[in-house]
Protein backbone atom coordinates (compact mmCIF):
# COMPACT_ATOMS: atom_id res chain seq x y z
CA MET A 1 -9.06 -7.00 -34.70
CA SER A 2 -12.16 -5.19 -35.83
CA GLN A 3 -11.90 -1.71 -37.26
CA ILE A 4 -13.73 -0.10 -34.30
CA ALA A 5 -11.50 -1.83 -31.73
CA GLU A 6 -8.40 -0.84 -33.70
CA GLN A 7 -9.64 2.76 -33.89
CA ASN A 8 -10.31 2.83 -30.12
CA ASN A 9 -6.86 1.41 -29.44
CA LYS A 10 -5.08 4.07 -31.56
CA MET A 11 -5.65 7.66 -30.50
CA GLN A 12 -3.89 10.91 -31.15
CA TYR A 13 -2.73 13.21 -28.40
CA LYS A 14 -1.20 16.55 -29.38
CA GLY A 15 -0.44 15.27 -32.86
CA ARG A 16 1.27 12.07 -31.65
CA GLN A 17 -0.11 8.61 -32.28
CA ILE A 18 -0.73 6.71 -29.02
CA GLU A 19 -1.10 2.94 -29.18
CA GLY A 20 -2.77 0.96 -26.41
CA TRP A 21 -4.86 3.87 -25.09
CA GLY A 22 -7.66 1.54 -23.97
CA GLU A 23 -5.18 -0.62 -22.06
CA ILE A 24 -3.97 2.39 -20.07
CA LYS A 25 -7.52 3.20 -18.98
CA ILE A 26 -8.21 -0.40 -17.96
CA ASN A 27 -4.98 -0.53 -15.92
CA LYS A 28 -5.99 2.61 -14.04
CA ILE A 29 -9.44 1.16 -13.31
CA LEU A 30 -7.94 -2.15 -12.13
CA PHE A 31 -5.41 -0.29 -9.95
CA PHE A 32 -8.27 1.71 -8.39
CA PHE A 33 -10.26 -1.45 -7.62
CA CYS A 34 -7.17 -3.12 -6.11
CA ASN A 35 -6.89 -0.17 -3.73
CA VAL A 36 -10.60 -0.38 -2.90
CA ILE A 37 -10.27 -4.11 -2.11
CA ALA A 38 -7.27 -3.42 0.15
CA ILE A 39 -9.24 -0.71 1.98
CA ILE A 40 -12.16 -3.11 2.43
CA GLY A 41 -9.77 -5.64 4.00
CA ILE A 42 -8.41 -2.98 6.36
CA CYS A 43 -11.96 -1.97 7.33
CA ILE A 44 -12.86 -5.60 8.06
CA LEU A 45 -9.86 -5.91 10.40
CA PHE A 46 -10.77 -2.62 12.08
CA ILE A 47 -14.43 -3.61 12.60
CA THR A 48 -13.59 -7.05 14.00
CA SER A 49 -11.11 -5.55 16.47
CA ILE A 50 -13.78 -3.09 17.64
CA LEU A 51 -16.30 -5.92 18.04
CA ASN A 52 -13.79 -7.94 20.09
CA LYS A 53 -13.51 -4.99 22.50
CA VAL A 54 -17.21 -4.07 22.62
CA PHE A 55 -18.92 -7.48 22.96
CA PRO A 56 -17.58 -8.25 26.47
CA MET A 57 -18.78 -4.80 27.61
CA LEU A 58 -22.24 -5.47 26.14
CA GLY A 59 -22.29 -8.87 27.85
CA LYS A 60 -21.48 -7.29 31.20
CA THR A 61 -24.23 -4.73 30.70
CA ALA A 62 -26.74 -7.46 29.80
CA PHE A 63 -25.67 -9.47 32.87
CA GLN A 64 -26.11 -6.45 35.16
CA ALA A 65 -29.55 -5.70 33.71
CA ARG A 66 -30.73 -9.28 34.11
CA MET A 67 -28.89 -10.17 37.35
CA ALA A 68 -28.88 -13.87 36.56
CA GLY A 69 -26.00 -16.31 36.71
CA SER A 70 -22.39 -15.28 36.68
CA PHE A 71 -20.56 -13.02 34.29
CA GLY A 72 -17.40 -14.14 32.53
CA PRO A 73 -15.90 -11.91 29.81
CA ASP A 74 -14.59 -15.01 28.02
CA GLU A 75 -18.16 -16.05 27.27
CA TYR A 76 -18.71 -12.97 25.10
CA ILE A 77 -15.53 -13.06 23.01
CA MET A 78 -16.19 -14.05 19.40
CA ASP A 79 -13.73 -15.93 17.21
CA PHE A 80 -12.99 -13.80 14.15
CA THR A 81 -9.97 -15.84 13.04
CA LEU A 82 -11.45 -16.93 9.70
CA ILE A 83 -12.76 -13.44 8.92
CA ASN A 84 -9.41 -11.87 9.84
CA MET A 85 -7.53 -14.38 7.65
CA PHE A 86 -9.85 -13.52 4.75
CA ALA A 87 -9.24 -9.79 5.32
CA ILE A 88 -5.46 -10.29 5.40
CA LEU A 89 -5.72 -12.34 2.21
CA LEU A 90 -7.71 -9.52 0.57
CA ILE A 91 -5.06 -6.98 1.56
CA LEU A 92 -2.18 -9.15 0.30
CA VAL A 93 -3.80 -10.06 -3.02
CA ALA A 94 -4.86 -6.48 -3.66
CA SER A 95 -1.40 -5.14 -2.81
CA VAL A 96 0.45 -7.61 -5.02
CA THR A 97 -1.99 -7.17 -7.90
CA GLY A 98 -1.85 -3.38 -7.58
CA PHE A 99 1.95 -3.48 -7.60
CA VAL A 100 1.98 -5.64 -10.75
CA ILE A 101 -0.50 -3.33 -12.48
CA TYR A 102 1.53 -0.27 -11.42
CA LYS A 103 4.76 -1.76 -12.79
CA LYS A 104 2.99 -2.78 -16.00
CA GLY A 105 1.77 0.81 -16.44
CA LEU A 106 5.31 2.20 -16.14
CA LYS A 107 6.58 0.16 -19.12
């Protein structure tokens, strides 16, 4: 280990030598990003559920404005299965990784 890296890894806090100081900071940053990824997954699920409710209403409005053909709400429902699976995967991976990082920080 280089002298600078060793010096950054060993710090003093109130007269006590603390080893692994840089590792503690990295764990906190990784834990923060795991939470951000989980929140992004939740937002994706929320947005797709809103779109599933709004698109049939927009289709009905477009049909009424145009007055052509027949309106069927099933024609305006989008399939977000793949996107929802990806969002659930994001939430699960972020939760498990965050838990592991949290437990590692307690030791």
